[in-house]
Amino acid sequence: MSPEEVLVLRHLRLAGIDYATSISIHVKIPLQRLLPILDKLEQENFIEKAHGKSIKRSKAKFKLAKEVHKHHTYYKLSRKGRLILKNIRG
């Protein structure tokens, strides 16, 4: 697993749920480079797309509003993603 992939997984562990542009800003990976990373992590079942019409701040820890409607594709860690992070030190 690449260091950039680990950064994305760690960010999602902290954020709970987030969308690509926000992830790009937080982990300082350009969006054009981040999108293929997200695709790869999703294909390998380390992350999954979040479903539903709105996001509550209790799930999206970096959101400022109590609840927002989803206008982006949101991602969250899968069980496999949480388990792999436990095995990666740092």
Protein backbone atom coordinates (compact mmCIF):
# COMPACT_ATOMS: atom_id res chain seq x y z
CA MET A 1 0.00 0.00 0.00
CA SER A 2 1.37 3.41 -0.97
CA PRO A 3 1.96 6.20 1.57
CA GLU A 4 -0.71 8.29 -0.19
CA GLU A 5 -3.27 5.49 0.17
CA VAL A 6 -2.46 5.26 3.87
CA LEU A 7 -2.92 9.05 4.21
CA VAL A 8 -6.38 8.79 2.65
CA LEU A 9 -7.38 5.91 4.93
CA ARG A 10 -6.13 7.76 8.01
CA HIS A 11 -8.00 10.88 6.97
CA LEU A 12 -11.24 8.92 6.59
CA ARG A 13 -10.68 7.34 10.00
CA LEU A 14 -10.50 10.85 11.51
CA ALA A 15 -13.21 12.44 9.36
CA GLY A 16 -15.65 9.55 9.50
CA ILE A 17 -16.99 10.39 6.06
CA ASP A 18 -15.79 12.89 3.44
CA TYR A 19 -15.84 13.76 -0.26
CA ALA A 20 -12.94 13.83 -2.75
CA THR A 21 -12.30 17.59 -2.88
CA SER A 22 -12.23 17.86 0.90
CA ILE A 23 -9.98 14.81 1.21
CA SER A 24 -7.65 16.35 -1.37
CA ILE A 25 -7.36 19.55 0.67
CA HIS A 26 -6.79 17.78 3.98
CA VAL A 27 -4.19 15.27 2.78
CA LYS A 28 -2.57 17.72 0.33
CA ILE A 29 -2.84 15.42 -2.68
CA PRO A 30 -4.00 17.12 -5.92
CA LEU A 31 -7.52 16.04 -6.87
CA GLN A 32 -6.36 14.66 -10.24
CA ARG A 33 -4.01 12.30 -8.40
CA LEU A 34 -6.46 11.54 -5.59
CA LEU A 35 -9.35 10.31 -7.76
CA PRO A 36 -7.48 7.21 -9.04
CA ILE A 37 -6.38 6.49 -5.45
CA LEU A 38 -9.99 6.59 -4.27
CA ASP A 39 -11.02 4.32 -7.16
CA LYS A 40 -8.29 1.82 -6.28
CA LEU A 41 -9.13 1.85 -2.57
CA GLU A 42 -12.79 1.32 -3.39
CA GLN A 43 -12.04 -1.54 -5.83
CA GLU A 44 -9.92 -3.20 -3.13
CA ASN A 45 -12.77 -2.72 -0.62
CA PHE A 46 -10.78 -0.50 1.77
CA ILE A 47 -13.34 2.31 1.38
CA GLU A 48 -16.95 2.46 0.27
CA LYS A 49 -19.32 5.08 -1.00
CA ALA A 50 -21.72 6.42 1.61
CA HIS A 51 -25.40 6.22 0.78
CA GLY A 52 -28.28 8.47 1.79
CA LYS A 53 -29.44 11.99 1.04
CA SER A 54 -27.88 13.88 3.93
CA ILE A 55 -24.89 13.74 6.24
CA LYS A 56 -25.04 14.53 9.95
CA ARG A 57 -22.09 16.19 11.65
CA SER A 58 -21.91 13.25 14.06
CA LYS A 59 -20.75 11.14 11.08
CA ALA A 60 -18.79 13.81 9.17
CA LYS A 61 -16.58 15.22 11.89
CA PHE A 62 -15.09 18.05 9.76
CA LYS A 63 -18.49 19.46 8.74
CA LEU A 64 -19.53 22.77 10.32
CA ALA A 65 -23.31 22.47 9.94
CA LYS A 66 -25.35 20.01 12.00
CA GLU A 67 -26.67 18.39 8.83
CA VAL A 68 -25.93 18.92 5.14
CA HIS A 69 -27.46 17.54 1.97
CA LYS A 70 -25.08 15.47 -0.10
CA HIS A 71 -23.96 17.21 -3.27
CA HIS A 72 -20.84 15.08 -3.73
CA THR A 73 -19.90 11.43 -3.61
CA TYR A 74 -18.92 10.71 -0.02
CA TYR A 75 -16.53 7.98 1.05
CA LYS A 76 -16.03 6.17 4.34
CA LEU A 77 -13.78 3.42 5.60
CA SER A 78 -14.99 -0.13 5.16
CA ARG A 79 -14.44 -2.79 7.79
CA LYS A 80 -11.45 -4.00 5.77
CA GLY A 81 -10.05 -0.44 5.74
CA ARG A 82 -10.38 -0.13 9.52
CA LEU A 83 -8.66 -3.48 10.01
CA ILE A 84 -5.73 -2.62 7.72
CA LEU A 85 -5.14 0.64 9.58
CA LYS A 86 -4.82 -1.30 12.84
CA ASN A 87 -1.94 -3.23 11.27
CA ILE A 88 -0.14 -0.11 9.98
CA ARG A 89 1.90 1.69 12.60
CA GLY A 90 2.24 5.46 12.87
